[in-house]
């Protein structure tokens, strides 16, 4: 039975305290190939201000920084953020914040919001709130990129349910630019129509 509440911050803090790379973001061929496809999906654009929700230890953050003039990276784990800050040291366009999105959200407008492997950790209530946060923060013409594992999980959502529920929760008009599936994950790129 799936939990009805979002996974708490201490779940992730415990993971990163026990192992600075619990999902092998640094070394896994699967993760590297997924990151290659994530960056390739965005590489035709340069973003003024990007938001990465759930930056973990910053492996993807470091690559994403090349596509944005300013990147705000959030995570719920102080241990994960320490690793991300170290990995991105010297990248002046990247700022890190400890925040539990969607309950806490940075101010301002973004032309990219990246949700990689995070929405399936959220309850239905938090997905609705995330939709409202995205409505308020996504610039006209801005992109939302989601990447989610589609295998079996014991999280509040499956990867497919997470994407479908978030799409329903966003009121802003969105155009689906890309929807790609592998045998292990899905990638969805949406653009807010002006």
N, C-alpha and C. Protein backbone atom coordinates (compact mmCIF):
# COMPACT_ATOMS: atom_id res chain seq x y z
N UNK A 1 0.84 -1.18 0.00
CA UNK A 1 0.00 0.00 0.00
C UNK A 1 0.89 1.25 0.00
N UNK A 2 0.56 2.19 -0.86
CA UNK A 2 1.36 3.41 -0.98
C UNK A 2 1.06 4.38 0.16
N UNK A 3 2.08 5.11 0.63
CA UNK A 3 1.80 6.12 1.65
C UNK A 3 0.91 7.23 1.10
N UNK A 4 0.10 7.82 1.96
CA UNK A 4 -0.80 8.89 1.53
C UNK A 4 -0.21 10.27 1.75
N UNK A 5 0.91 10.34 2.45
CA UNK A 5 1.58 11.62 2.69
C UNK A 5 2.90 11.65 1.95
N UNK A 6 3.38 12.85 1.68
CA UNK A 6 4.68 13.01 1.02
C UNK A 6 5.78 12.44 1.91
N UNK A 7 6.83 11.96 1.28
CA UNK A 7 7.95 11.47 2.08
C UNK A 7 8.58 12.65 2.81
N UNK A 8 8.92 12.49 4.09
CA UNK A 8 9.41 13.62 4.88
C UNK A 8 10.89 13.92 4.61
N UNK A 9 11.31 15.14 4.92
CA UNK A 9 12.72 15.50 4.71
C UNK A 9 13.70 14.57 5.39
N UNK A 10 13.36 14.04 6.58
CA UNK A 10 14.32 13.19 7.28
C UNK A 10 14.57 11.87 6.55
N UNK A 11 13.65 11.44 5.69
CA UNK A 11 13.89 10.26 4.86
C UNK A 11 15.11 10.51 3.96
N UNK A 12 15.14 11.66 3.31
CA UNK A 12 16.23 11.99 2.39
C UNK A 12 17.51 12.34 3.14
N UNK A 13 17.38 13.04 4.26
CA UNK A 13 18.55 13.37 5.07
C UNK A 13 19.23 12.08 5.55
N UNK A 14 18.44 11.13 5.98
CA UNK A 14 18.99 9.84 6.40
C UNK A 14 19.73 9.13 5.28
N UNK A 15 19.16 9.17 4.09
CA UNK A 15 19.81 8.54 2.93
C UNK A 15 21.17 9.18 2.66
N UNK A 16 21.22 10.52 2.62
CA UNK A 16 22.46 11.21 2.27
C UNK A 16 23.46 11.25 3.41
N UNK A 17 23.00 11.12 4.64
CA UNK A 17 23.94 11.00 5.76
C UNK A 17 24.64 9.64 5.72
N UNK A 18 23.89 8.61 5.37
CA UNK A 18 24.44 7.26 5.33
C UNK A 18 25.36 7.06 4.13
N UNK A 19 25.08 7.77 3.03
CA UNK A 19 25.84 7.59 1.79
C UNK A 19 25.71 8.87 0.98
N UNK A 20 26.82 9.57 0.69
CA UNK A 20 26.72 10.84 -0.03
C UNK A 20 26.20 10.70 -1.47
N UNK A 21 26.12 9.47 -1.97
CA UNK A 21 25.58 9.24 -3.32
C UNK A 21 24.70 7.99 -3.30
N UNK A 22 23.56 8.04 -2.58
CA UNK A 22 22.78 6.83 -2.38
C UNK A 22 22.18 6.23 -3.64
N UNK A 23 21.94 7.02 -4.66
CA UNK A 23 21.39 6.49 -5.91
C UNK A 23 22.44 6.37 -7.00
N UNK A 24 23.70 6.57 -6.65
CA UNK A 24 24.84 6.42 -7.58
C UNK A 24 24.74 7.39 -8.76
N UNK A 25 24.33 8.63 -8.49
CA UNK A 25 24.26 9.65 -9.53
C UNK A 25 25.63 9.88 -10.18
N UNK A 26 26.69 9.76 -9.41
CA UNK A 26 28.03 10.04 -9.92
C UNK A 26 28.57 8.92 -10.80
N UNK A 27 28.19 7.68 -10.54
CA UNK A 27 28.85 6.54 -11.17
C UNK A 27 27.97 5.65 -12.03
N UNK A 28 26.67 5.74 -11.90
CA UNK A 28 25.77 4.85 -12.62
C UNK A 28 25.67 5.20 -14.10
N UNK A 29 25.88 4.22 -14.95
CA UNK A 29 25.73 4.44 -16.40
C UNK A 29 24.29 4.82 -16.72
N UNK A 30 23.33 4.23 -16.01
CA UNK A 30 21.93 4.57 -16.20
C UNK A 30 21.69 6.05 -15.90
N UNK A 31 22.18 6.52 -14.76
CA UNK A 31 21.99 7.93 -14.39
C UNK A 31 22.67 8.86 -15.40
N UNK A 32 23.86 8.52 -15.83
CA UNK A 32 24.57 9.38 -16.79
C UNK A 32 23.82 9.46 -18.11
N UNK A 33 23.30 8.33 -18.59
CA UNK A 33 22.54 8.33 -19.84
C UNK A 33 21.25 9.13 -19.68
N UNK A 34 20.61 9.01 -18.53
CA UNK A 34 19.38 9.77 -18.26
C UNK A 34 19.69 11.26 -18.21
N UNK A 35 20.80 11.64 -17.58
CA UNK A 35 21.20 13.05 -17.53
C UNK A 35 21.55 13.57 -18.92
N UNK A 36 22.18 12.74 -19.73
CA UNK A 36 22.47 13.15 -21.11
C UNK A 36 21.19 13.48 -21.86
N UNK A 37 20.18 12.64 -21.71
CA UNK A 37 18.90 12.89 -22.39
C UNK A 37 18.17 14.08 -21.81
N UNK A 38 18.30 14.29 -20.51
CA UNK A 38 17.67 15.45 -19.86
C UNK A 38 18.26 16.74 -20.42
N UNK A 39 19.57 16.82 -20.46
CA UNK A 39 20.24 18.02 -20.97
C UNK A 39 19.95 18.19 -22.46
N UNK A 40 19.95 17.10 -23.21
CA UNK A 40 19.67 17.18 -24.66
C UNK A 40 18.26 17.71 -24.90
N UNK A 41 17.30 17.37 -24.04
CA UNK A 41 15.93 17.86 -24.21
C UNK A 41 15.86 19.38 -24.06
N UNK A 42 16.81 19.96 -23.32
CA UNK A 42 16.80 21.40 -23.06
C UNK A 42 17.82 22.19 -23.86
N UNK A 43 18.73 21.51 -24.52
CA UNK A 43 19.92 22.17 -25.06
C UNK A 43 19.65 23.14 -26.19
N UNK A 44 18.46 23.16 -26.72
CA UNK A 44 18.18 24.11 -27.79
C UNK A 44 17.84 25.49 -27.25
N UNK A 45 17.80 25.64 -25.92
CA UNK A 45 17.42 26.92 -25.30
C UNK A 45 18.45 27.36 -24.28
N UNK A 46 18.47 28.65 -24.08
CA UNK A 46 19.23 29.25 -22.97
C UNK A 46 18.18 29.87 -22.05
N UNK A 47 18.27 29.60 -20.77
CA UNK A 47 17.28 30.06 -19.80
C UNK A 47 17.84 31.21 -18.98
N UNK A 48 16.98 32.21 -18.73
CA UNK A 48 17.37 33.34 -17.88
C UNK A 48 17.46 32.90 -16.42
N UNK A 49 16.41 32.23 -15.96
CA UNK A 49 16.35 31.86 -14.54
C UNK A 49 15.69 30.49 -14.43
N UNK A 50 16.42 29.52 -13.90
CA UNK A 50 15.95 28.15 -13.81
C UNK A 50 15.80 27.74 -12.35
N UNK A 51 14.87 26.82 -12.10
CA UNK A 51 14.63 26.24 -10.79
C UNK A 51 14.75 24.74 -10.90
N UNK A 52 15.62 24.17 -10.08
CA UNK A 52 15.75 22.71 -9.99
C UNK A 52 15.23 22.29 -8.62
N UNK A 53 14.17 21.50 -8.61
CA UNK A 53 13.59 21.01 -7.37
C UNK A 53 14.16 19.62 -7.11
N UNK A 54 14.80 19.45 -5.95
CA UNK A 54 15.39 18.16 -5.61
C UNK A 54 16.74 17.97 -6.27
N UNK A 55 17.68 18.87 -5.99
CA UNK A 55 18.98 18.82 -6.66
C UNK A 55 19.88 17.72 -6.13
N UNK A 56 19.54 17.10 -5.01
CA UNK A 56 20.34 16.04 -4.41
C UNK A 56 21.79 16.51 -4.24
N UNK A 57 22.75 15.71 -4.68
CA UNK A 57 24.15 16.06 -4.48
C UNK A 57 24.75 16.86 -5.64
N UNK A 58 23.90 17.37 -6.52
CA UNK A 58 24.35 18.34 -7.51
C UNK A 58 24.95 17.82 -8.79
N UNK A 59 24.86 16.53 -9.04
CA UNK A 59 25.45 15.99 -10.27
C UNK A 59 24.76 16.59 -11.50
N UNK A 60 23.44 16.56 -11.53
CA UNK A 60 22.70 17.16 -12.64
C UNK A 60 22.77 18.69 -12.58
N UNK A 61 22.79 19.25 -11.40
CA UNK A 61 22.87 20.71 -11.23
C UNK A 61 24.07 21.28 -11.97
N UNK A 62 25.20 20.63 -11.81
CA UNK A 62 26.43 21.11 -12.45
C UNK A 62 26.26 21.19 -13.96
N UNK A 63 25.60 20.21 -14.53
CA UNK A 63 25.38 20.21 -15.99
C UNK A 63 24.31 21.22 -16.39
N UNK A 64 23.28 21.34 -15.58
CA UNK A 64 22.19 22.27 -15.86
C UNK A 64 22.67 23.72 -15.82
N UNK A 65 23.66 24.01 -15.00
CA UNK A 65 24.18 25.37 -14.85
C UNK A 65 24.65 25.96 -16.18
N UNK A 66 25.10 25.12 -17.09
CA UNK A 66 25.57 25.60 -18.40
C UNK A 66 24.44 26.15 -19.27
N UNK A 67 23.19 25.86 -18.90
CA UNK A 67 22.05 26.26 -19.73
C UNK A 67 21.30 27.47 -19.19
N UNK A 68 21.73 27.99 -18.03
CA UNK A 68 20.95 29.06 -17.39
C UNK A 68 21.86 30.18 -16.91
N UNK A 69 21.37 31.41 -17.04
CA UNK A 69 22.09 32.56 -16.50
C UNK A 69 22.04 32.58 -14.98
N UNK A 70 20.97 32.04 -14.40
CA UNK A 70 20.84 31.91 -12.95
C UNK A 70 20.07 30.63 -12.67
N UNK A 71 20.56 29.85 -11.73
CA UNK A 71 19.94 28.58 -11.37
C UNK A 71 19.76 28.53 -9.86
N UNK A 72 18.52 28.33 -9.43
CA UNK A 72 18.20 28.12 -8.02
C UNK A 72 17.95 26.63 -7.84
N UNK A 73 18.75 25.99 -6.98
CA UNK A 73 18.65 24.55 -6.76
C UNK A 73 18.18 24.30 -5.33
N UNK A 74 17.11 23.52 -5.19
CA UNK A 74 16.51 23.24 -3.89
C UNK A 74 16.69 21.79 -3.51
N UNK A 75 16.81 21.56 -2.21
CA UNK A 75 16.72 20.19 -1.70
C UNK A 75 16.28 20.25 -0.25
N UNK A 76 15.75 19.14 0.26
CA UNK A 76 15.28 19.07 1.64
C UNK A 76 16.38 18.58 2.58
N UNK A 77 17.48 18.07 2.03
CA UNK A 77 18.53 17.46 2.83
C UNK A 77 19.75 18.37 2.92
N UNK A 78 20.13 18.72 4.15
CA UNK A 78 21.35 19.51 4.34
C UNK A 78 22.58 18.74 3.87
N UNK A 79 22.61 17.44 4.10
CA UNK A 79 23.76 16.63 3.67
C UNK A 79 23.89 16.61 2.15
N UNK A 80 22.76 16.46 1.47
CA UNK A 80 22.77 16.50 0.00
C UNK A 80 23.24 17.87 -0.48
N UNK A 81 22.74 18.92 0.13
CA UNK A 81 23.12 20.28 -0.28
C UNK A 81 24.60 20.54 -0.06
N UNK A 82 25.18 20.00 0.99
CA UNK A 82 26.62 20.16 1.22
C UNK A 82 27.40 19.56 0.06
N UNK A 83 26.99 18.39 -0.40
CA UNK A 83 27.65 17.77 -1.55
C UNK A 83 27.44 18.56 -2.82
N UNK A 84 26.23 19.09 -3.00
CA UNK A 84 25.94 19.88 -4.20
C UNK A 84 26.76 21.17 -4.22
N UNK A 85 26.85 21.83 -3.08
CA UNK A 85 27.65 23.07 -3.01
C UNK A 85 29.12 22.79 -3.34
N UNK A 86 29.65 21.70 -2.80
CA UNK A 86 31.04 21.35 -3.09
C UNK A 86 31.24 21.04 -4.57
N UNK A 87 30.31 20.31 -5.15
CA UNK A 87 30.41 19.94 -6.56
C UNK A 87 30.33 21.16 -7.47
N UNK A 88 29.54 22.14 -7.09
CA UNK A 88 29.30 23.31 -7.94
C UNK A 88 30.10 24.54 -7.47
N UNK A 89 31.09 24.30 -6.64
CA UNK A 89 31.91 25.40 -6.14
C UNK A 89 32.51 26.16 -7.33
N UNK A 90 32.44 27.46 -7.26
CA UNK A 90 32.97 28.30 -8.33
C UNK A 90 31.96 28.65 -9.40
N UNK A 91 30.80 28.03 -9.39
CA UNK A 91 29.74 28.36 -10.34
C UNK A 91 28.90 29.48 -9.74
N UNK A 92 29.22 30.70 -10.08
CA UNK A 92 28.59 31.86 -9.44
C UNK A 92 27.11 32.04 -9.82
N UNK A 93 26.68 31.39 -10.88
CA UNK A 93 25.28 31.53 -11.31
C UNK A 93 24.34 30.58 -10.58
N UNK A 94 24.89 29.69 -9.73
CA UNK A 94 24.08 28.70 -9.03
C UNK A 94 23.95 29.09 -7.56
N UNK A 95 22.70 29.09 -7.07
CA UNK A 95 22.47 29.28 -5.63
C UNK A 95 21.68 28.09 -5.11
N UNK A 96 21.96 27.73 -3.88
CA UNK A 96 21.32 26.56 -3.25
C UNK A 96 20.49 27.01 -2.07
N UNK A 97 19.34 26.33 -1.89
CA UNK A 97 18.46 26.62 -0.75
C UNK A 97 17.89 25.32 -0.21
N UNK A 98 17.85 25.25 1.11
CA UNK A 98 17.14 24.13 1.73
C UNK A 98 15.67 24.52 1.76
N UNK A 99 14.85 23.74 1.10
CA UNK A 99 13.42 24.03 1.04
C UNK A 99 12.66 22.74 0.76
N UNK A 100 11.48 22.66 1.34
CA UNK A 100 10.59 21.53 1.10
C UNK A 100 9.53 22.00 0.10
N UNK A 101 9.83 21.85 -1.17
CA UNK A 101 8.88 22.21 -2.23
C UNK A 101 7.82 21.12 -2.27
N UNK A 102 6.55 21.44 -2.42
CA UNK A 102 5.96 22.72 -2.77
C UNK A 102 5.56 23.59 -1.58
N UNK A 103 5.68 23.08 -0.34
CA UNK A 103 5.29 23.90 0.81
C UNK A 103 6.10 25.19 0.87
N UNK A 104 7.36 25.11 0.50
CA UNK A 104 8.24 26.28 0.45
C UNK A 104 8.70 26.44 -0.99
N UNK A 105 8.60 27.65 -1.49
CA UNK A 105 8.99 27.90 -2.87
C UNK A 105 9.73 29.23 -2.95
N UNK A 106 10.75 29.31 -3.79
CA UNK A 106 11.46 30.58 -3.93
C UNK A 106 10.59 31.62 -4.63
N UNK A 107 10.85 32.87 -4.32
CA UNK A 107 10.10 33.96 -4.96
C UNK A 107 10.59 34.14 -6.39
N UNK A 108 9.74 34.76 -7.17
CA UNK A 108 10.14 35.14 -8.52
C UNK A 108 9.60 34.22 -9.58
N UNK A 109 10.00 34.55 -10.80
CA UNK A 109 9.53 33.85 -11.99
C UNK A 109 10.71 33.11 -12.62
N UNK A 110 10.42 31.94 -13.18
CA UNK A 110 11.43 31.09 -13.79
C UNK A 110 11.00 30.73 -15.21
N UNK A 111 11.96 30.63 -16.11
CA UNK A 111 11.61 30.16 -17.45
C UNK A 111 11.98 28.69 -17.65
N UNK A 112 12.49 28.05 -16.59
CA UNK A 112 12.64 26.60 -16.57
C UNK A 112 12.40 26.13 -15.14
N UNK A 113 11.55 25.11 -15.01
CA UNK A 113 11.36 24.41 -13.75
C UNK A 113 11.62 22.93 -14.03
N UNK A 114 12.65 22.39 -13.38
CA UNK A 114 13.05 21.00 -13.56
C UNK A 114 12.62 20.19 -12.35
N UNK A 115 11.87 19.12 -12.60
CA UNK A 115 11.39 18.21 -11.57
C UNK A 115 11.87 16.81 -11.96
N UNK A 116 13.09 16.50 -11.59
CA UNK A 116 13.67 15.22 -11.96
C UNK A 116 13.63 14.27 -10.76
N UNK A 117 12.83 13.22 -10.88
CA UNK A 117 12.74 12.18 -9.86
C UNK A 117 12.25 12.75 -8.52
N UNK A 118 11.25 13.63 -8.53
CA UNK A 118 10.74 14.17 -7.27
C UNK A 118 9.23 14.08 -7.10
N UNK A 119 8.46 14.23 -8.15
CA UNK A 119 7.00 14.36 -7.99
C UNK A 119 6.40 13.08 -7.40
N UNK A 120 6.99 11.92 -7.65
CA UNK A 120 6.39 10.70 -7.12
C UNK A 120 6.60 10.54 -5.61
N UNK A 121 7.38 11.41 -5.01
CA UNK A 121 7.52 11.42 -3.55
C UNK A 121 6.39 12.19 -2.86
N UNK A 122 5.56 12.87 -3.63
CA UNK A 122 4.56 13.78 -3.07
C UNK A 122 3.17 13.15 -2.99
N UNK A 123 2.44 13.59 -1.99
CA UNK A 123 1.03 13.20 -1.85
C UNK A 123 0.20 13.91 -2.90
N UNK A 124 -1.04 13.47 -3.05
CA UNK A 124 -1.96 14.16 -3.97
C UNK A 124 -2.13 15.62 -3.58
N UNK A 125 -2.21 15.90 -2.28
CA UNK A 125 -2.38 17.28 -1.80
C UNK A 125 -1.18 18.13 -2.21
N UNK A 126 0.02 17.59 -2.04
CA UNK A 126 1.22 18.35 -2.42
C UNK A 126 1.34 18.52 -3.93
N UNK A 127 0.87 17.57 -4.69
CA UNK A 127 0.89 17.73 -6.15
C UNK A 127 -0.03 18.87 -6.57
N UNK A 128 -1.18 18.98 -5.94
CA UNK A 128 -2.08 20.11 -6.24
C UNK A 128 -1.40 21.43 -5.88
N UNK A 129 -0.74 21.48 -4.73
CA UNK A 129 -0.02 22.69 -4.34
C UNK A 129 1.12 22.98 -5.31
N UNK A 130 1.82 21.95 -5.74
CA UNK A 130 2.90 22.14 -6.72
C UNK A 130 2.35 22.74 -8.01
N UNK A 131 1.18 22.30 -8.42
CA UNK A 131 0.56 22.88 -9.61
C UNK A 131 0.32 24.37 -9.45
N UNK A 132 -0.14 24.77 -8.27
CA UNK A 132 -0.37 26.20 -8.01
C UNK A 132 0.96 26.96 -7.99
N UNK A 133 1.98 26.37 -7.41
CA UNK A 133 3.30 27.01 -7.38
C UNK A 133 3.84 27.19 -8.80
N UNK A 134 3.67 26.19 -9.63
CA UNK A 134 4.14 26.28 -11.01
C UNK A 134 3.35 27.33 -11.77
N UNK A 135 2.04 27.35 -11.58
CA UNK A 135 1.22 28.38 -12.21
C UNK A 135 1.75 29.78 -11.89
N UNK A 136 2.12 30.01 -10.64
CA UNK A 136 2.58 31.33 -10.21
C UNK A 136 4.00 31.65 -10.65
N UNK A 137 4.84 30.62 -10.80
CA UNK A 137 6.27 30.86 -11.01
C UNK A 137 6.75 30.69 -12.45
N UNK A 138 5.98 30.02 -13.29
CA UNK A 138 6.45 29.73 -14.64
C UNK A 138 6.14 30.89 -15.59
N UNK A 139 7.18 31.42 -16.19
CA UNK A 139 7.05 32.54 -17.12
C UNK A 139 6.32 32.10 -18.39
N UNK A 140 5.61 33.01 -19.04
CA UNK A 140 5.07 32.69 -20.36
C UNK A 140 6.21 32.26 -21.29
N UNK A 141 6.00 31.16 -22.00
CA UNK A 141 7.05 30.60 -22.84
C UNK A 141 8.05 29.76 -22.09
N UNK A 142 7.87 29.64 -20.74
CA UNK A 142 8.79 28.86 -19.92
C UNK A 142 8.51 27.37 -20.02
N UNK A 143 9.51 26.59 -19.66
CA UNK A 143 9.45 25.13 -19.77
C UNK A 143 9.38 24.47 -18.40
N UNK A 144 8.66 23.35 -18.35
CA UNK A 144 8.67 22.43 -17.22
C UNK A 144 9.18 21.11 -17.76
N UNK A 145 10.23 20.59 -17.13
CA UNK A 145 10.77 19.28 -17.54
C UNK A 145 10.65 18.32 -16.37
N UNK A 146 10.02 17.18 -16.64
CA UNK A 146 9.86 16.13 -15.64
C UNK A 146 10.57 14.88 -16.13
N UNK A 147 11.27 14.22 -15.23
CA UNK A 147 11.91 12.94 -15.52
C UNK A 147 11.60 12.02 -14.34
N UNK A 148 11.02 10.85 -14.60
CA UNK A 148 10.63 9.96 -13.51
C UNK A 148 10.81 8.49 -13.87
N UNK A 149 11.36 7.75 -12.92
CA UNK A 149 11.45 6.30 -12.97
C UNK A 149 10.03 5.74 -13.12
N UNK A 150 9.87 4.75 -13.99
CA UNK A 150 8.53 4.17 -14.19
C UNK A 150 8.44 2.73 -13.69
N UNK A 151 9.50 2.26 -13.04
CA UNK A 151 9.45 0.93 -12.43
C UNK A 151 8.66 0.94 -11.14
N UNK A 152 8.63 -0.17 -10.48
CA UNK A 152 7.87 -0.32 -9.24
C UNK A 152 8.53 0.50 -8.13
N UNK A 153 7.70 1.17 -7.34
CA UNK A 153 8.18 1.93 -6.18
C UNK A 153 7.21 1.72 -5.02
N UNK A 154 7.66 2.14 -3.84
CA UNK A 154 6.75 2.17 -2.69
C UNK A 154 6.51 3.62 -2.27
N UNK A 155 6.65 4.55 -3.20
CA UNK A 155 6.43 5.97 -2.97
C UNK A 155 4.93 6.29 -3.05
N UNK A 156 4.56 7.51 -2.70
CA UNK A 156 3.13 7.85 -2.79
C UNK A 156 2.55 7.75 -4.20
N UNK A 157 3.38 7.93 -5.24
CA UNK A 157 2.90 7.88 -6.63
C UNK A 157 3.78 6.95 -7.45
N UNK A 158 3.22 6.43 -8.53
CA UNK A 158 4.06 5.84 -9.57
C UNK A 158 4.61 6.98 -10.42
N UNK A 159 5.60 6.72 -11.24
CA UNK A 159 6.10 7.76 -12.14
C UNK A 159 5.02 8.25 -13.08
N UNK A 160 4.24 7.35 -13.64
CA UNK A 160 3.18 7.75 -14.58
C UNK A 160 2.08 8.54 -13.87
N UNK A 161 1.68 8.10 -12.67
CA UNK A 161 0.65 8.84 -11.93
C UNK A 161 1.14 10.23 -11.54
N UNK A 162 2.40 10.33 -11.16
CA UNK A 162 2.96 11.63 -10.76
C UNK A 162 2.84 12.63 -11.89
N UNK A 163 3.20 12.23 -13.09
CA UNK A 163 3.16 13.13 -14.25
C UNK A 163 1.72 13.49 -14.60
N UNK A 164 0.84 12.49 -14.62
CA UNK A 164 -0.57 12.75 -14.96
C UNK A 164 -1.23 13.67 -13.94
N UNK A 165 -0.97 13.44 -12.67
CA UNK A 165 -1.60 14.26 -11.63
C UNK A 165 -1.07 15.69 -11.65
N UNK A 166 0.23 15.85 -11.90
CA UNK A 166 0.77 17.20 -11.97
C UNK A 166 0.21 17.94 -13.18
N UNK A 167 0.09 17.25 -14.30
CA UNK A 167 -0.49 17.89 -15.50
C UNK A 167 -1.90 18.39 -15.19
N UNK A 168 -2.68 17.60 -14.45
CA UNK A 168 -4.04 18.01 -14.08
C UNK A 168 -4.04 19.17 -13.09
N UNK A 169 -3.00 19.26 -12.26
CA UNK A 169 -2.95 20.28 -11.21
C UNK A 169 -2.50 21.65 -11.72
N UNK A 170 -1.86 21.69 -12.88
CA UNK A 170 -1.39 22.96 -13.43
C UNK A 170 -2.51 23.57 -14.25
N UNK A 171 -2.89 24.80 -13.90
CA UNK A 171 -3.96 25.49 -14.62
C UNK A 171 -3.46 26.25 -15.83
N UNK A 172 -2.20 26.68 -15.78
CA UNK A 172 -1.63 27.46 -16.89
C UNK A 172 -1.68 26.64 -18.17
N UNK A 173 -1.90 27.30 -19.30
CA UNK A 173 -1.93 26.55 -20.56
C UNK A 173 -0.53 26.03 -20.91
N UNK A 174 -0.45 24.73 -21.13
CA UNK A 174 0.82 24.09 -21.45
C UNK A 174 0.73 23.34 -22.77
N UNK A 175 1.81 23.40 -23.51
CA UNK A 175 1.94 22.60 -24.73
C UNK A 175 2.96 21.51 -24.46
N UNK A 176 2.61 20.27 -24.76
CA UNK A 176 3.55 19.16 -24.61
C UNK A 176 4.51 19.19 -25.79
N UNK A 177 5.77 19.43 -25.50
CA UNK A 177 6.79 19.47 -26.55
C UNK A 177 7.45 18.12 -26.77
N UNK A 178 7.54 17.35 -25.69
CA UNK A 178 8.22 16.05 -25.81
C UNK A 178 7.69 15.13 -24.74
N UNK A 179 7.49 13.89 -25.13
CA UNK A 179 7.16 12.83 -24.19
C UNK A 179 7.89 11.59 -24.67
N UNK A 180 8.91 11.21 -23.92
CA UNK A 180 9.74 10.08 -24.33
C UNK A 180 9.76 9.06 -23.20
N UNK A 181 9.77 7.79 -23.58
CA UNK A 181 9.81 6.70 -22.61
C UNK A 181 10.95 5.77 -22.95
N UNK A 182 11.64 5.33 -21.94
CA UNK A 182 12.54 4.19 -22.08
C UNK A 182 11.92 3.06 -21.28
N UNK A 183 12.62 1.96 -21.16
CA UNK A 183 12.08 0.87 -20.35
C UNK A 183 12.16 1.16 -18.86
N UNK A 184 12.87 2.26 -18.46
CA UNK A 184 13.07 2.55 -17.04
C UNK A 184 12.54 3.91 -16.59
N UNK A 185 12.45 4.87 -17.49
CA UNK A 185 12.00 6.19 -17.07
C UNK A 185 11.27 6.88 -18.20
N UNK A 186 10.58 7.97 -17.84
CA UNK A 186 9.90 8.81 -18.82
C UNK A 186 10.41 10.23 -18.67
N UNK A 187 10.39 10.96 -19.77
CA UNK A 187 10.81 12.36 -19.82
C UNK A 187 9.71 13.14 -20.50
N UNK A 188 9.24 14.19 -19.83
CA UNK A 188 8.14 15.02 -20.36
C UNK A 188 8.55 16.47 -20.30
N UNK A 189 8.44 17.16 -21.45
CA UNK A 189 8.78 18.57 -21.55
C UNK A 189 7.54 19.33 -21.97
N UNK A 190 7.13 20.29 -21.12
CA UNK A 190 5.96 21.11 -21.37
C UNK A 190 6.39 22.57 -21.47
N UNK A 191 5.71 23.34 -22.31
CA UNK A 191 5.98 24.78 -22.42
C UNK A 191 4.70 25.56 -22.17
N UNK A 192 4.81 26.58 -21.34
CA UNK A 192 3.66 27.46 -21.09
C UNK A 192 3.43 28.34 -22.30
N UNK A 193 2.24 28.28 -22.82
CA UNK A 193 1.94 29.09 -23.99
C UNK A 193 1.73 30.55 -23.56
N UNK A 194 2.23 31.49 -24.36
CA UNK A 194 2.14 32.92 -23.97
C UNK A 194 0.69 33.40 -23.91
